[in-house]
């Protein structure tokens, strides 16, 4: 097998995986600092959520990155419904 063959096989394999998921045009990619700002918490909590696999993340090189839709999903999963309906004002 030649080096060019390996490259071709890689792309053939990638094509066999199916279409790549489409990203929303408005979806933003956050680093640890901006994710902490977005969730209004500290960097330490972000690293703990990653270590406990409680928030979805990806890597850009060796740096952690978070899609805003994944941060929103984390917040939505943590939301607690009220026991009683809100009082009329």
Protein backbone atom coordinates (compact mmCIF):
# COMPACT_ATOMS: atom_id res chain seq x y z
CA UNK A 1 0.00 0.00 0.00
CA UNK A 2 1.37 3.40 -0.93
CA UNK A 3 0.98 6.62 1.03
CA UNK A 4 -1.44 7.97 -1.58
CA UNK A 5 -3.62 4.87 -1.18
CA UNK A 6 -3.93 5.43 2.57
CA UNK A 7 -5.03 9.00 1.94
CA UNK A 8 -7.63 7.85 -0.57
CA UNK A 9 -8.90 5.13 1.76
CA UNK A 10 -9.30 7.64 4.58
CA UNK A 11 -11.56 9.82 2.44
CA UNK A 12 -13.49 6.81 1.19
CA UNK A 13 -14.05 5.78 4.80
CA UNK A 14 -15.18 9.32 5.72
CA UNK A 15 -17.71 9.24 2.89
CA UNK A 16 -19.06 5.93 4.20
CA UNK A 17 -19.86 7.51 7.57
CA UNK A 18 -22.68 9.47 6.02
CA UNK A 19 -23.32 13.18 5.90
CA UNK A 20 -21.76 15.41 8.50
CA UNK A 21 -24.23 16.97 10.92
CA UNK A 22 -25.24 20.45 9.90
CA UNK A 23 -24.52 23.25 12.33
CA UNK A 24 -26.88 26.11 12.94
CA UNK A 25 -25.58 29.31 11.42
CA UNK A 26 -26.08 31.07 14.75
CA UNK A 27 -24.32 28.42 16.82
CA UNK A 28 -21.28 29.89 18.52
CA UNK A 29 -18.15 28.04 19.63
CA UNK A 30 -17.01 28.97 23.17
CA UNK A 31 -13.71 28.43 24.91
CA UNK A 32 -13.55 27.72 28.65
CA UNK A 33 -13.61 31.41 29.62
CA UNK A 34 -16.53 32.38 27.42
CA UNK A 35 -18.43 29.20 28.39
CA UNK A 36 -17.99 30.16 32.04
CA UNK A 37 -19.20 33.68 31.27
CA UNK A 38 -22.17 32.32 29.32
CA UNK A 39 -23.18 29.96 32.16
CA UNK A 40 -22.31 32.64 34.75
CA UNK A 41 -20.03 30.34 36.68
CA UNK A 42 -16.31 29.90 37.24
CA UNK A 43 -13.74 28.13 35.08
CA UNK A 44 -13.39 25.52 37.80
CA UNK A 45 -17.02 24.41 37.36
CA UNK A 46 -16.53 24.14 33.58
CA UNK A 47 -13.55 21.83 34.08
CA UNK A 48 -15.54 19.77 36.59
CA UNK A 49 -18.48 19.44 34.18
CA UNK A 50 -16.05 18.21 31.52
CA UNK A 51 -14.36 15.75 33.90
CA UNK A 52 -17.75 14.37 34.96
CA UNK A 53 -18.98 14.35 31.31
CA UNK A 54 -22.02 16.42 32.28
CA UNK A 55 -21.65 18.85 29.39
CA UNK A 56 -20.88 18.05 25.77
CA UNK A 57 -17.53 19.37 24.56
CA UNK A 58 -15.05 19.09 21.72
CA UNK A 59 -11.41 19.88 21.16
CA UNK A 60 -9.79 22.43 18.87
CA UNK A 61 -6.25 21.13 18.98
CA UNK A 62 -5.62 20.69 22.69
CA UNK A 63 -8.12 23.35 23.75
CA UNK A 64 -11.61 22.62 25.00
CA UNK A 65 -14.48 24.11 23.04
CA UNK A 66 -18.23 24.14 23.64
CA UNK A 67 -21.03 24.74 21.15
CA UNK A 68 -23.58 27.20 22.49
CA UNK A 69 -26.42 24.79 21.69
CA UNK A 70 -24.73 22.20 23.94
CA UNK A 71 -24.42 24.75 26.75
CA UNK A 72 -28.10 25.61 26.27
CA UNK A 73 -28.97 21.89 26.41
CA UNK A 74 -27.05 21.59 29.69
CA UNK A 75 -28.99 24.51 31.16
CA UNK A 76 -32.30 23.10 29.91
CA UNK A 77 -31.54 19.69 31.45
CA UNK A 78 -30.86 21.39 34.80
CA UNK A 79 -34.09 23.42 34.73
CA UNK A 80 -36.58 22.63 37.47
CA UNK A 81 -40.30 23.03 36.87
CA UNK A 82 -42.25 24.85 39.58
CA UNK A 83 -44.47 22.80 41.85
CA UNK A 84 -47.32 25.29 41.74
CA UNK A 85 -48.43 27.49 38.86
CA UNK A 86 -47.23 31.08 39.16
CA UNK A 87 -49.45 33.42 41.13
CA UNK A 88 -51.43 35.97 39.11
CA UNK A 89 -50.14 39.53 39.37
